[in-house]
Amino acid sequence: ITCCCVHPDLKNTHSQFPLPPKPSCCYPEKDLPSEGLYFERQRYSSAQKLCVYEINDLDRQSPKLLVNSNNTNAAGKRVKSLGDLLPYTNKLYDGTLKERLGITAGMCIMIEYVPEFDGDRYECQFSAYFGEYGHISVQGPYTSYCDCVMAVTGGTGIFTGARGVVKCKTLLPTKLFYEFHLLDIHKLPAKLTQTPVPPTPDVIPEDHKSTS
């Protein structure tokens, strides 16, 4: 069972789907968007799936925390708070981790620290750039403590007119896996729809193996 973004009004449902050490969540895997939760089931079944990895090698001065508050905890330590900004840019790889496709670039606004999960909730906008193929624009909530779902709001190149959703799985703070489900675009190149490497924290891109 994976975990979707937790709405405050749904916190009383956490105990239904235990997933230690991550928090349990409000919907089981079968009800996530790939099964039509946020789209009409018939229409969503025609969506094209595109999987990619986002990798932060800590070589791009990313992310950059821009502090807009001076809140501290009981010990006097500064804590992230509502309004803090987190611009970032990372490397984008195909689902097989054999080829680097481009970069991600975006901005997240801190909404709240969630102490029961020792994690943060953000509102984010970002673009995934696929080189000559174009880019996909995304907007929605990101939670550091569980999987989340964001909206695809458009794109360019072969992604022009794209709509749909993307499921985001945080494997490590520096490693994320995205599963896009895209509507209203032409058939994607086979190169972009290959079966992905199963997302686990220890996966690494092919071009990293020679230096590891």
C-alpha atoms as a PDB file:
ATOM      1  CA  ILE A   1       0.000   0.000   0.000  1.00  0.00           C
ATOM      2  CA  THR A   2       1.290   3.410  -0.902  1.00  0.00           C
ATOM      3  CA  CYS A   3       0.158   6.660   0.607  1.00  0.00           C
ATOM      4  CA  CYS A   4      -1.572   9.704  -0.805  1.00  0.00           C
ATOM      5  CA  CYS A   5      -1.526  13.243   0.497  1.00  0.00           C
ATOM      6  CA  VAL A   6      -3.231  13.510   3.851  1.00  0.00           C
ATOM      7  CA  HIS A   7      -5.950  16.111   4.169  1.00  0.00           C
ATOM      8  CA  PRO A   8      -6.425  17.355   7.754  1.00  0.00           C
ATOM      9  CA  ASP A   9     -10.068  16.274   7.706  1.00  0.00           C
ATOM     10  CA  LEU A  10      -9.019  12.690   6.910  1.00  0.00           C
ATOM     11  CA  LYS A  11      -6.505  12.174   9.723  1.00  0.00           C
ATOM     12  CA  ASN A  12      -8.923   9.914  11.574  1.00  0.00           C
ATOM     13  CA  THR A  13      -8.584   7.381   8.737  1.00  0.00           C
ATOM     14  CA  HIS A  14      -4.834   6.846   9.199  1.00  0.00           C
ATOM     15  CA  SER A  15      -5.158   3.722  11.303  1.00  0.00           C
ATOM     16  CA  GLN A  16      -6.955   1.871   8.511  1.00  0.00           C
ATOM     17  CA  PHE A  17      -3.871   1.389   6.328  1.00  0.00           C
ATOM     18  CA  PRO A  18      -0.708   0.901   8.423  1.00  0.00           C
ATOM     19  CA  LEU A  19       2.618   1.354   6.616  1.00  0.00           C
ATOM     20  CA  PRO A  20       5.485   1.697   9.090  1.00  0.00           C
ATOM     21  CA  PRO A  21       7.752   3.597   9.255  1.00  0.00           C
ATOM     22  CA  LYS A  22       5.889   5.940   6.881  1.00  0.00           C
ATOM     23  CA  PRO A  23       2.460   7.230   7.903  1.00  0.00           C
ATOM     24  CA  SER A  24      -0.574   5.277   6.878  1.00  0.00           C
ATOM     25  CA  CYS A  25      -2.875   6.971   4.447  1.00  0.00           C
ATOM     26  CA  CYS A  26      -6.398   7.787   3.398  1.00  0.00           C
ATOM     27  CA  TYR A  27      -6.718   5.616   0.280  1.00  0.00           C
ATOM     28  CA  PRO A  28      -5.464   2.124  -0.563  1.00  0.00           C
ATOM     29  CA  GLU A  29      -3.328   1.570  -3.672  1.00  0.00           C
ATOM     30  CA  LYS A  30      -6.253   0.362  -5.770  1.00  0.00           C
ATOM     31  CA  ASP A  31      -8.018   3.717  -5.353  1.00  0.00           C
ATOM     32  CA  LEU A  32      -5.128   5.920  -6.452  1.00  0.00           C
ATOM     33  CA  PRO A  33      -5.477   7.797  -9.782  1.00  0.00           C
ATOM     34  CA  SER A  34      -4.163   4.937 -11.953  1.00  0.00           C
ATOM     35  CA  GLU A  35      -7.468   3.239 -11.151  1.00  0.00           C
ATOM     36  CA  GLY A  36      -9.569   6.301 -11.874  1.00  0.00           C
ATOM     37  CA  LEU A  37     -10.076   8.017  -8.493  1.00  0.00           C
ATOM     38  CA  TYR A  38      -9.648  11.537  -9.888  1.00  0.00           C
ATOM     39  CA  PHE A  39     -10.813  10.909 -13.472  1.00  0.00           C
ATOM     40  CA  GLU A  40     -13.793   9.156 -14.939  1.00  0.00           C
ATOM     41  CA  ARG A  41     -12.803   5.494 -14.947  1.00  0.00           C
ATOM     42  CA  GLN A  42     -13.446   4.961 -18.668  1.00  0.00           C
ATOM     43  CA  ARG A  43     -11.624   8.111 -19.766  1.00  0.00           C
ATOM     44  CA  TYR A  44      -8.682   7.548 -17.488  1.00  0.00           C
ATOM     45  CA  SER A  45      -8.109   4.051 -18.858  1.00  0.00           C
ATOM     46  CA  SER A  46      -6.936   5.677 -22.111  1.00  0.00           C
ATOM     47  CA  ALA A  47      -4.170   7.658 -20.393  1.00  0.00           C
ATOM     48  CA  GLN A  48      -0.573   7.022 -21.429  1.00  0.00           C
ATOM     49  CA  LYS A  49       1.891   6.168 -18.678  1.00  0.00           C
ATOM     50  CA  LEU A  50       5.321   7.758 -18.504  1.00  0.00           C
ATOM     51  CA  CYS A  51       7.755   6.984 -15.665  1.00  0.00           C
ATOM     52  CA  VAL A  52      10.848   8.998 -14.796  1.00  0.00           C
ATOM     53  CA  TYR A  53      13.324   9.442 -11.955  1.00  0.00           C
ATOM     54  CA  GLU A  54      14.378  12.778 -10.474  1.00  0.00           C
ATOM     55  CA  ILE A  55      17.917  12.684  -9.061  1.00  0.00           C
ATOM     56  CA  ASN A  56      19.671  15.335  -6.971  1.00  0.00           C
ATOM     57  CA  ASP A  57      23.435  14.790  -7.048  1.00  0.00           C
ATOM     58  CA  LEU A  58      23.955  17.856  -4.828  1.00  0.00           C
ATOM     59  CA  ASP A  59      25.989  19.449  -7.623  1.00  0.00           C
ATOM     60  CA  ARG A  60      23.479  22.108  -8.726  1.00  0.00           C
ATOM     61  CA  GLN A  61      23.234  24.166  -5.506  1.00  0.00           C
ATOM     62  CA  SER A  62      19.728  22.781  -5.189  1.00  0.00           C
ATOM     63  CA  PRO A  63      17.446  23.075  -3.335  1.00  0.00           C
ATOM     64  CA  LYS A  64      17.748  26.598  -1.915  1.00  0.00           C
ATOM     65  CA  LEU A  65      15.688  27.414   1.170  1.00  0.00           C
ATOM     66  CA  LEU A  66      14.487  31.028   1.234  1.00  0.00           C
ATOM     67  CA  VAL A  67      13.368  31.781   4.785  1.00  0.00           C
ATOM     68  CA  ASN A  68      10.365  34.061   5.237  1.00  0.00           C
ATOM     69  CA  SER A  69       9.730  33.412   8.926  1.00  0.00           C
ATOM     70  CA  ASN A  70      11.626  33.242  12.202  1.00  0.00           C
ATOM     71  CA  ASN A  71       9.669  30.550  14.022  1.00  0.00           C
ATOM     72  CA  THR A  72      11.542  28.394  16.515  1.00  0.00           C
ATOM     73  CA  ASN A  73      10.700  25.245  18.433  1.00  0.00           C
ATOM     74  CA  ALA A  74      10.780  24.776  22.216  1.00  0.00           C
ATOM     75  CA  ALA A  75      14.546  24.264  22.104  1.00  0.00           C
ATOM     76  CA  GLY A  76      15.031  27.548  20.276  1.00  0.00           C
ATOM     77  CA  LYS A  77      15.948  25.880  16.993  1.00  0.00           C
ATOM     78  CA  ARG A  78      14.686  27.554  13.832  1.00  0.00           C
ATOM     79  CA  VAL A  79      11.984  25.475  12.081  1.00  0.00           C
ATOM     80  CA  LYS A  80      10.528  25.720   8.601  1.00  0.00           C
ATOM     81  CA  SER A  81       7.218  27.573   8.577  1.00  0.00           C
ATOM     82  CA  LEU A  82       4.360  28.743   6.362  1.00  0.00           C
ATOM     83  CA  GLY A  83       5.616  30.903   3.527  1.00  0.00           C
ATOM     84  CA  ASP A  84       9.189  29.606   3.309  1.00  0.00           C
ATOM     85  CA  LEU A  85      10.190  29.099  -0.335  1.00  0.00           C
ATOM     86  CA  LEU A  86      12.113  26.174  -1.808  1.00  0.00           C
ATOM     87  CA  PRO A  87      13.275  26.681  -5.409  1.00  0.00           C
ATOM     88  CA  TYR A  88      15.062  23.685  -6.909  1.00  0.00           C
ATOM     89  CA  THR A  89      16.392  22.043 -10.051  1.00  0.00           C
ATOM     90  CA  ASN A  90      17.412  18.395 -10.413  1.00  0.00           C
ATOM     91  CA  LYS A  91      18.364  15.874 -13.090  1.00  0.00           C
ATOM     92  CA  LEU A  92      15.680  13.888 -14.927  1.00  0.00           C
ATOM     93  CA  TYR A  93      16.231  10.282 -16.054  1.00  0.00           C
ATOM     94  CA  ASP A  94      14.052   7.874 -17.984  1.00  0.00           C
ATOM     95  CA  GLY A  95      12.348   5.050 -16.118  1.00  0.00           C
ATOM     96  CA  THR A  96      15.088   2.570 -16.985  1.00  0.00           C
ATOM     97  CA  LEU A  97      17.728   4.915 -15.502  1.00  0.00           C
ATOM     98  CA  LYS A  98      19.822   4.350 -18.623  1.00  0.00           C
ATOM     99  CA  GLU A  99      19.471   7.821 -20.125  1.00  0.00           C
ATOM    100  CA  ARG A 100      19.351  11.323 -18.760  1.00  0.00           C
ATOM    101  CA  LEU A 101      16.457  13.169 -20.403  1.00  0.00           C
ATOM    102  CA  GLY A 102      16.792  16.670 -18.980  1.00  0.00           C
ATOM    103  CA  ILE A 103      16.042  18.508 -15.747  1.00  0.00           C
ATOM    104  CA  THR A 104      13.277  19.461 -13.386  1.00  0.00           C
ATOM    105  CA  ALA A 105      12.851  23.047 -12.201  1.00  0.00           C
ATOM    106  CA  GLY A 106      10.299  24.377  -9.770  1.00  0.00           C
ATOM    107  CA  MET A 107       9.254  26.230  -6.661  1.00  0.00           C
ATOM    108  CA  CYS A 108       7.571  24.923  -3.525  1.00  0.00           C
ATOM    109  CA  ILE A 109       5.880  26.970  -0.802  1.00  0.00           C
ATOM    110  CA  MET A 110       6.023  25.589   2.710  1.00  0.00           C
ATOM    111  CA  ILE A 111       2.504  25.060   4.084  1.00  0.00           C
ATOM    112  CA  GLU A 112       3.104  23.271   7.367  1.00  0.00           C
ATOM    113  CA  TYR A 113       5.376  21.014   9.345  1.00  0.00           C
ATOM    114  CA  VAL A 114       3.517  17.839  10.332  1.00  0.00           C
ATOM    115  CA  PRO A 115       5.035  16.767  13.679  1.00  0.00           C
ATOM    116  CA  GLU A 116       3.287  13.390  13.914  1.00  0.00           C
ATOM    117  CA  PHE A 117       5.088  12.337  10.727  1.00  0.00           C
ATOM    118  CA  ASP A 118       8.190  14.514  11.205  1.00  0.00           C
ATOM    119  CA  GLY A 119       7.660  15.795   7.670  1.00  0.00           C
ATOM    120  CA  ASP A 120       6.651  18.809   5.642  1.00  0.00           C
ATOM    121  CA  ARG A 121       3.727  19.668   3.395  1.00  0.00           C
ATOM    122  CA  TYR A 122       4.288  21.995   0.444  1.00  0.00           C
ATOM    123  CA  GLU A 123       2.339  23.478  -2.453  1.00  0.00           C
ATOM    124  CA  CYS A 124       4.465  23.118  -5.596  1.00  0.00           C
ATOM    125  CA  GLN A 125       4.714  24.114  -9.229  1.00  0.00           C
ATOM    126  CA  PHE A 126       7.376  22.563 -11.413  1.00  0.00           C
ATOM    127  CA  SER A 127       8.276  21.608 -14.958  1.00  0.00           C
ATOM    128  CA  ALA A 128       9.905  18.412 -16.166  1.00  0.00           C
ATOM    129  CA  TYR A 129      12.059  19.171 -19.207  1.00  0.00           C
ATOM    130  CA  PHE A 130      12.564  16.335 -21.691  1.00  0.00           C
ATOM    131  CA  GLY A 131      15.013  18.028 -24.066  1.00  0.00           C
ATOM    132  CA  GLU A 132      13.806  18.095 -27.674  1.00  0.00           C
ATOM    133  CA  TYR A 133      10.573  16.338 -26.668  1.00  0.00           C
ATOM    134  CA  GLY A 134       9.311  19.392 -24.767  1.00  0.00           C
ATOM    135  CA  HIS A 135       8.220  19.777 -21.163  1.00  0.00           C
ATOM    136  CA  ILE A 136       5.385  18.878 -18.784  1.00  0.00           C
ATOM    137  CA  SER A 137       4.009  21.367 -16.231  1.00  0.00           C
ATOM    138  CA  VAL A 138       2.801  20.133 -12.840  1.00  0.00           C
ATOM    139  CA  GLN A 139       1.053  21.717  -9.874  1.00  0.00           C
ATOM    140  CA  GLY A 140      -0.173  20.423  -6.535  1.00  0.00           C
ATOM    141  CA  PRO A 141       0.678  19.288  -3.017  1.00  0.00           C
ATOM    142  CA  TYR A 142       3.947  17.611  -2.123  1.00  0.00           C
ATOM    143  CA  THR A 143       4.468  15.814   1.175  1.00  0.00           C
ATOM    144  CA  SER A 144       7.903  14.664   2.304  1.00  0.00           C
ATOM    145  CA  TYR A 145       6.464  11.897   4.489  1.00  0.00           C
ATOM    146  CA  CYS A 146       4.292   9.977   2.016  1.00  0.00           C
ATOM    147  CA  ASP A 147       3.470   9.522  -1.660  1.00  0.00           C
ATOM    148  CA  CYS A 148       1.361  12.228  -3.257  1.00  0.00           C
ATOM    149  CA  VAL A 149      -0.607  13.043  -6.407  1.00  0.00           C
ATOM    150  CA  MET A 150      -0.325  16.241  -8.427  1.00  0.00           C
ATOM    151  CA  ALA A 151      -2.089  17.625 -11.491  1.00  0.00           C
ATOM    152  CA  VAL A 152      -0.562  17.844 -14.953  1.00  0.00           C
ATOM    153  CA  THR A 153      -1.527  21.318 -16.184  1.00  0.00           C
ATOM    154  CA  GLY A 154      -0.017  21.393 -19.670  1.00  0.00           C
ATOM    155  CA  GLY A 155       3.105  21.030 -21.717  1.00  0.00           C
ATOM    156  CA  THR A 156       5.014  21.829 -24.900  1.00  0.00           C
ATOM    157  CA  GLY A 157       6.388  19.829 -27.804  1.00  0.00           C
ATOM    158  CA  ILE A 158       4.959  16.323 -27.861  1.00  0.00           C
ATOM    159  CA  PHE A 159       3.256  17.134 -24.539  1.00  0.00           C
ATOM    160  CA  THR A 160       1.283  20.114 -25.898  1.00  0.00           C
ATOM    161  CA  GLY A 161      -2.229  20.083 -24.452  1.00  0.00           C
ATOM    162  CA  ALA A 162      -1.389  17.418 -21.877  1.00  0.00           C
ATOM    163  CA  ARG A 163      -3.678  16.875 -18.919  1.00  0.00           C
ATOM    164  CA  GLY A 164      -3.702  14.196 -16.284  1.00  0.00           C
ATOM    165  CA  VAL A 165      -2.032  13.359 -12.998  1.00  0.00           C
ATOM    166  CA  VAL A 166       1.375  12.346 -11.700  1.00  0.00           C
ATOM    167  CA  LYS A 167       2.029  10.100  -8.723  1.00  0.00           C
ATOM    168  CA  CYS A 168       5.164  11.082  -6.831  1.00  0.00           C
ATOM    169  CA  LYS A 169       7.072   8.605  -4.663  1.00  0.00           C
ATOM    170  CA  THR A 170       9.909   9.941  -2.511  1.00  0.00           C
ATOM    171  CA  LEU A 171      12.534   7.198  -2.273  1.00  0.00           C
ATOM    172  CA  LEU A 172      15.143   9.403  -0.579  1.00  0.00           C
ATOM    173  CA  PRO A 173      15.287  13.185  -0.100  1.00  0.00           C
ATOM    174  CA  THR A 174      17.552  13.217  -3.190  1.00  0.00           C
ATOM    175  CA  LYS A 175      15.711  10.594  -5.254  1.00  0.00           C
ATOM    176  CA  LEU A 176      12.089  10.675  -6.477  1.00  0.00           C
ATOM    177  CA  PHE A 177      10.052   8.499  -8.823  1.00  0.00           C
ATOM    178  CA  TYR A 178       7.249   9.994 -10.964  1.00  0.00           C
ATOM    179  CA  GLU A 179       4.494   8.054 -12.700  1.00  0.00           C
ATOM    180  CA  PHE A 180       2.693  10.328 -15.171  1.00  0.00           C
ATOM    181  CA  HIS A 181      -0.739   9.422 -16.537  1.00  0.00           C
ATOM    182  CA  LEU A 182      -1.281  11.686 -19.546  1.00  0.00           C
ATOM    183  CA  LEU A 183      -4.399  12.516 -21.565  1.00  0.00           C
ATOM    184  CA  ASP A 184      -5.021  14.516 -24.756  1.00  0.00           C
ATOM    185  CA  ILE A 185      -1.626  14.000 -26.395  1.00  0.00           C
ATOM    186  CA  HIS A 186      -0.380  11.991 -29.373  1.00  0.00           C
ATOM    187  CA  LYS A 187       1.122   8.561 -28.831  1.00  0.00           C
ATOM    188  CA  LEU A 188       4.362   8.817 -26.895  1.00  0.00           C
ATOM    189  CA  PRO A 189       7.622   7.484 -28.371  1.00  0.00           C
ATOM    190  CA  ALA A 190       8.422   3.944 -27.243  1.00  0.00           C
ATOM    191  CA  LYS A 191      11.654   5.323 -25.787  1.00  0.00           C
ATOM    192  CA  LEU A 192       9.630   7.162 -23.127  1.00  0.00           C
ATOM    193  CA  THR A 193       7.297   4.318 -22.230  1.00  0.00           C
ATOM    194  CA  GLN A 194       9.744   1.529 -21.440  1.00  0.00           C
ATOM    195  CA  THR A 195       9.117  -0.577 -18.340  1.00  0.00           C
ATOM    196  CA  PRO A 196      10.753   1.294 -15.452  1.00  0.00           C
ATOM    197  CA  VAL A 197      13.218  -0.049 -12.945  1.00  0.00           C
ATOM    198  CA  PRO A 198      11.195  -0.825  -9.783  1.00  0.00           C
ATOM    199  CA  PRO A 199      11.459   2.256  -7.531  1.00  0.00           C
ATOM    200  CA  THR A 200      13.571   1.495  -4.471  1.00  0.00           C
ATOM    201  CA  PRO A 201      15.944   3.732  -2.485  1.00  0.00           C
ATOM    202  CA  ASP A 202      19.060   1.944  -3.777  1.00  0.00           C
ATOM    203  CA  VAL A 203      18.485   2.377  -7.539  1.00  0.00           C
ATOM    204  CA  ILE A 204      21.070   4.513  -9.344  1.00  0.00           C
ATOM    205  CA  PRO A 205      21.400   5.815 -12.926  1.00  0.00           C
ATOM    206  CA  GLU A 206      23.644   3.906 -15.312  1.00  0.00           C
ATOM    207  CA  ASP A 207      25.998   6.877 -15.672  1.00  0.00           C
ATOM    208  CA  HIS A 208      26.586   6.826 -11.887  1.00  0.00           C
ATOM    209  CA  LYS A 209      27.719   3.214 -11.752  1.00  0.00           C
ATOM    210  CA  SER A 210      31.152   3.879 -13.238  1.00  0.00           C
ATOM    211  CA  THR A 211      31.900   6.330 -10.422  1.00  0.00           C
ATOM    212  CA  SER A 212      30.305   4.417  -7.551  1.00  0.00           C
END
